[in-house]
Protein backbone atom coordinates (compact mmCIF):
# COMPACT_ATOMS: atom_id res chain seq x y z
CA MET A 1 -0.15 -0.32 -0.09
CA ASP A 2 1.79 3.21 -1.01
CA PHE A 3 1.34 6.70 1.35
CA SER A 4 1.62 9.70 0.45
CA PHE A 5 1.94 13.19 3.03
CA GLN A 6 2.51 15.54 0.62
CA GLY A 7 1.33 18.67 2.12
CA LYS A 8 0.92 17.61 5.76
CA ARG A 9 3.06 18.53 8.93
CA ALA A 10 4.08 16.00 11.56
CA LEU A 11 4.92 16.30 15.05
CA VAL A 12 7.38 12.78 16.36
CA THR A 13 7.93 12.76 19.72
CA GLY A 14 10.92 10.95 20.85
CA ALA A 15 12.59 10.59 17.86
CA SER A 16 16.04 11.68 18.26
CA ARG A 17 16.59 7.77 19.09
CA GLY A 18 12.60 7.26 19.36
CA LYS A 19 13.08 6.70 23.16
CA ASP A 20 11.62 3.41 24.88
CA THR A 21 13.47 2.88 27.28
CA ILE A 22 12.93 -0.28 29.85
CA THR A 23 15.37 -0.63 32.32
CA ALA A 24 15.67 -4.52 34.25
CA THR A 25 16.97 -4.50 37.45
CA LEU A 26 17.52 -8.55 37.76
CA SER A 27 18.79 -10.50 40.56
CA LEU A 28 22.32 -10.21 39.54
CA SER A 29 21.65 -6.32 40.09
CA LEU A 30 22.23 -5.81 36.44
CA THR A 31 20.69 -2.71 34.62
CA SER A 32 20.14 -2.09 31.44
CA THR A 33 18.64 0.61 29.41
CA LEU A 34 17.51 -0.38 26.10
CA PHE A 35 16.82 2.52 23.41
CA SER A 36 15.11 1.90 20.09
CA GLY A 37 14.42 3.39 16.93
CA ILE A 38 11.31 3.67 16.03
CA GLY A 39 10.49 7.29 16.71
CA ARG A 40 13.44 8.17 14.35
CA ALA A 41 11.85 5.61 11.70
CA ILE A 42 9.15 7.19 11.69
CA ALA A 43 10.18 10.78 11.39
CA VAL A 44 12.43 9.24 8.19
CA GLN A 45 9.63 7.92 6.97
CA LEU A 46 7.27 10.75 6.52
CA ALA A 47 9.59 13.11 5.53
CA GLN A 48 10.60 10.61 2.85
CA LEU A 49 6.61 10.39 2.12
CA GLY A 50 6.56 13.90 1.67
CA ALA A 51 5.48 15.40 5.04
CA GLU A 52 7.39 18.11 7.11
CA VAL A 53 8.46 16.06 10.07
CA VAL A 54 9.27 18.01 13.31
CA SER A 55 11.19 15.82 15.68
CA VAL A 56 11.20 16.13 19.21
CA GLY A 57 13.81 14.68 21.32
CA ARG A 58 16.44 15.17 24.31
CA SER A 59 19.58 13.91 22.73
CA GLU A 60 21.59 16.96 20.95
CA SER A 61 23.71 14.51 19.38
CA HIS A 62 20.81 12.03 18.18
CA LEU A 63 18.98 15.08 17.24
CA VAL A 64 22.11 16.39 14.95
CA SER A 65 22.63 12.67 13.25
CA LEU A 66 18.87 12.36 11.99
CA LYS A 67 18.63 15.78 10.96
CA ASN A 68 21.98 15.10 8.75
CA GLU A 69 20.48 12.13 7.78
CA ASN A 70 17.29 13.98 6.87
CA PRO A 71 18.09 17.66 6.51
CA SER A 72 14.70 18.20 5.69
CA ILE A 73 13.50 17.32 9.33
CA THR A 74 13.36 19.92 11.95
CA VAL A 75 15.16 19.33 15.32
CA VAL A 76 14.09 20.37 18.40
CA LYS A 77 15.63 19.73 21.58
CA LEU A 78 13.21 19.54 24.58
CA ASP A 79 12.36 17.69 27.49
CA ILE A 80 8.63 17.02 27.05
CA CYS A 81 8.19 16.27 30.79
CA ASP A 82 8.84 19.97 31.67
CA TRP A 83 5.07 21.23 31.11
CA ASN A 84 5.91 25.09 30.72
CA ARG A 85 8.49 24.74 28.62
CA THR A 86 7.26 22.55 26.08
CA LYS A 87 3.88 24.92 26.09
CA GLN A 88 6.06 27.37 24.79
CA ALA A 89 8.67 25.66 22.41
CA LEU A 90 6.02 23.83 20.81
CA SER A 91 3.67 27.04 20.00
CA ASP A 92 5.98 28.29 17.87
CA ILE A 93 5.96 25.39 15.54
CA GLY A 94 3.24 26.21 13.07
CA PRO A 95 0.19 23.81 12.30
CA VAL A 96 0.55 20.38 12.66
CA ASP A 97 -1.74 17.49 10.79
CA PHE A 98 -0.36 14.30 12.40
CA LEU A 99 1.09 13.62 16.23
CA VAL A 100 2.84 10.44 16.70
CA ASN A 101 3.54 10.46 21.17
CA ASN A 102 6.14 7.83 20.55
CA ALA A 103 8.41 8.69 23.30
CA GLY A 104 8.08 6.68 26.61
CA GLU A 105 9.92 4.99 29.20
CA GLY A 106 9.55 1.78 31.37
CA PHE A 107 11.27 -0.51 33.89
CA ILE A 108 11.17 -4.29 34.97
CA LYS A 109 10.65 -4.24 39.15
CA ALA A 110 9.36 -5.92 41.51
CA LEU A 111 5.96 -4.16 42.84
CA GLU A 112 7.59 -4.29 46.25
CA ASP A 113 10.73 -2.79 45.12
CA VAL A 114 8.95 0.52 42.90
CA GLU A 115 9.94 3.63 44.69
CA GLU A 116 8.05 7.01 44.21
CA GLU A 117 10.90 8.53 42.17
CA ASP A 118 10.01 5.54 39.61
CA VAL A 119 6.45 6.16 39.23
CA ASP A 120 6.85 9.91 38.65
CA ARG A 121 9.54 9.59 36.63
CA ILE A 122 7.59 6.85 34.06
CA PHE A 123 3.72 8.81 34.47
CA ASP A 124 5.27 12.15 33.48
CA LEU A 125 6.62 10.60 30.74
CA ASN A 126 4.41 8.27 29.27
CA VAL A 127 1.21 9.74 30.30
CA LYS A 128 1.35 13.38 31.54
CA ALA A 129 4.02 14.59 28.79
CA LEU A 130 1.66 12.85 26.50
CA ILE A 131 -1.39 14.62 27.23
CA ASN A 132 0.23 17.87 27.47
CA VAL A 133 1.50 17.64 23.58
CA THR A 134 -1.88 16.07 22.60
CA GLN A 135 -3.32 19.15 24.18
CA ILE A 136 -0.73 21.54 22.51
CA VAL A 137 -1.48 19.76 19.18
CA VAL A 138 -5.17 19.43 19.31
CA GLY A 139 -6.01 23.12 20.30
CA ASP A 140 -3.99 24.16 16.89
CA LEU A 141 -6.11 21.98 14.98
CA LEU A 142 -9.52 22.96 16.48
CA ARG A 143 -9.02 26.40 16.15
CA ARG A 144 -7.89 25.83 12.60
CA GLY A 145 -11.23 23.51 11.86
CA ALA A 146 -8.26 21.32 10.50
CA PRO A 147 -8.78 17.42 10.12
CA GLY A 148 -6.21 15.35 12.15
CA SER A 149 -4.76 12.12 13.07
CA ILE A 150 -2.62 11.27 16.52
CA VAL A 151 -1.28 7.75 16.47
CA ASN A 152 0.18 7.04 20.44
CA VAL A 153 2.79 4.27 20.72
CA SER A 154 1.71 2.45 23.68
CA SER A 155 2.39 -1.57 24.34
CA GLN A 156 1.04 -4.81 24.62
CA ALA A 157 1.56 -3.94 28.65
CA GLY A 158 -1.64 -1.78 27.98
CA LEU A 159 -3.81 -4.59 27.51
CA VAL A 160 -2.20 -7.41 29.02
CA GLY A 161 -0.53 -7.68 32.96
CA LEU A 162 3.59 -8.22 32.09
CA HIS A 163 5.27 -9.65 35.17
CA GLN A 164 7.13 -6.90 37.36
CA HIS A 165 5.84 -4.18 35.15
CA THR A 166 3.28 -3.03 37.27
CA VAL A 167 4.44 1.09 36.80
CA TYR A 168 5.08 0.54 33.47
CA CYS A 169 1.69 -1.36 32.78
CA ALA A 170 -0.20 0.96 34.70
CA SER A 171 1.24 4.13 32.68
CA LYS A 172 0.69 2.38 29.24
CA GLY A 173 -2.91 1.00 30.32
CA ALA A 174 -3.18 5.02 30.85
CA VAL A 175 -2.37 6.34 27.45
CA ASP A 176 -4.88 3.19 25.96
CA ALA A 177 -7.84 4.70 28.11
CA PHE A 178 -6.51 8.76 27.19
CA THR A 179 -6.30 7.24 23.43
CA ARG A 180 -10.72 6.29 23.72
CA ALA A 181 -11.60 9.16 25.81
CA CYS A 182 -9.53 11.50 23.19
CA ALA A 183 -11.13 9.80 20.10
CA LEU A 184 -14.84 10.55 21.74
CA GLU A 185 -13.98 13.68 22.22
CA LEU A 186 -12.60 15.06 18.92
CA GLY A 187 -14.39 12.94 16.92
CA PRO A 188 -16.63 15.64 16.23
CA GLY A 189 -13.65 17.31 14.77
CA ASN A 190 -12.57 15.04 12.48
CA ILE A 191 -9.58 14.46 14.50
CA ARG A 192 -8.88 10.73 14.45
CA VAL A 193 -7.05 9.14 17.91
CA ASN A 194 -5.45 5.52 18.00
CA SER A 195 -2.86 3.96 19.57
CA VAL A 196 -0.59 1.23 18.47
CA ASN A 197 0.71 -1.63 21.03
CA PRO A 198 3.91 -3.62 20.16
CA THR A 199 5.36 -6.46 21.90
CA VAL A 200 8.98 -6.66 22.05
CA VAL A 201 10.71 -4.87 19.22
CA MET A 202 13.51 -5.38 17.75
CA THR A 203 15.75 -2.73 17.42
CA LYS A 204 19.73 -3.07 17.81
CA MET A 205 19.46 -2.68 21.56
CA GLY A 206 16.23 -4.54 21.66
CA LYS A 207 18.03 -7.53 19.84
CA LYS A 208 21.09 -7.57 22.00
CA TRP A 209 18.07 -7.91 24.93
CA TRP A 210 15.96 -10.27 24.67
CA SER A 211 18.53 -12.50 22.50
CA GLU A 212 19.10 -13.85 26.33
CA PRO A 213 16.95 -17.10 26.12
CA SER A 214 16.27 -16.60 29.79
CA ARG A 215 14.60 -13.00 28.79
CA GLY A 216 13.70 -13.88 25.53
CA GLY A 217 12.46 -16.95 25.74
CA PRO A 218 9.39 -16.84 28.32
CA MET A 219 8.19 -13.75 26.12
CA LEU A 220 8.34 -16.12 22.90
CA ALA A 221 6.64 -19.19 24.57
CA ARG A 222 3.69 -16.42 24.51
CA ILE A 223 3.50 -15.21 20.76
CA PRO A 224 1.76 -17.95 18.57
CA LEU A 225 3.90 -16.65 15.31
CA GLY A 226 6.94 -17.06 17.26
CA ARG A 227 8.89 -13.91 16.89
CA PHE A 228 9.29 -10.10 18.32
CA CYS A 229 7.80 -7.24 15.92
CA GLU A 230 10.46 -4.86 13.82
CA VAL A 231 10.64 -1.50 13.66
CA GLN A 232 9.69 -1.32 10.18
CA GLU A 233 6.37 -2.95 11.73
CA VAL A 234 5.95 -0.46 13.81
CA VAL A 235 6.36 2.00 11.48
CA ASP A 236 4.08 1.00 8.65
CA ALA A 237 1.19 0.10 11.14
CA VAL A 238 1.86 4.20 12.63
CA LEU A 239 1.69 5.26 8.84
CA PHE A 240 -1.64 3.29 7.63
CA LEU A 241 -3.45 4.87 11.00
CA LEU A 242 -2.22 8.62 10.28
CA SER A 243 -3.34 7.97 6.46
CA ASP A 244 -6.57 9.04 4.55
CA ARG A 245 -6.62 4.91 4.35
CA ALA A 246 -7.59 4.57 7.88
CA GLY A 247 -10.01 7.18 7.74
CA MET A 248 -13.02 5.52 9.98
CA ILE A 249 -10.53 3.91 12.29
CA THR A 250 -10.47 6.05 15.70
CA GLY A 251 -10.18 5.34 19.02
CA THR A 252 -8.29 1.97 18.41
CA CYS A 253 -5.39 0.08 20.42
CA LEU A 254 -4.04 -1.49 17.60
CA ALA A 255 -1.96 -5.01 18.84
CA LEU A 256 1.43 -5.34 16.79
CA ASP A 257 1.91 -8.70 19.17
CA GLY A 258 1.90 -11.88 16.64
CA GLY A 259 -0.80 -13.08 18.92
CA PHE A 260 0.61 -12.57 22.73
CA THR A 261 -2.45 -10.65 24.05
CA THR A 262 -4.39 -13.56 22.87
CA THR A 263 -3.15 -16.17 25.35
């Protein structure tokens, strides 16, 4: 299926390296942080398909790299967890037709070990910042009376319980609930809101982390298709939901999980 986003403007968060961080504290006190390339891949492909893209991220070096790869992309260095700074920074970027809320973070930790700062950090980024950015974009769309499409990058963790993912599951469950409520509220304005809910995604670091049988084995055993999700499969789903081909789809949480959530 061919897509063209010529004449459209898109805002992608977490696009410096598409940060979806999973910090896992194991019995050996090993901590690993995984950075995905999902946001970056979405931004690059949107630009290749004709959209004018604004990419927001926290890593200056990765934003510079993204800009070098595709000079047409406008990059904005910003910590979207700062509510007021985000309002100020994004108020001048101009009209936006598409929003991809990709920035997100999570960790693996037993509930009894969860600390207040863990909860604050995850909800500040995964939920509060997402709501703020969405509000900014939606406000502009409504003022212009323009149609729009929003895709929130959620997780299978929003659909099912995952072992030692209590806070992450709670945050992604909030994202999915927010997606449905927004779809209901914004539908009359011809603004569609959906989420994609991938299983483990095979980014460079994702492959390194989940290739360990003790980590990846139990997860793969619950996926009927017997494999994890590729970055391009997430990108394709996001592009479809943004496009006019999905013109009758809103309020949907689309599982990209190889059947994980059916088990």
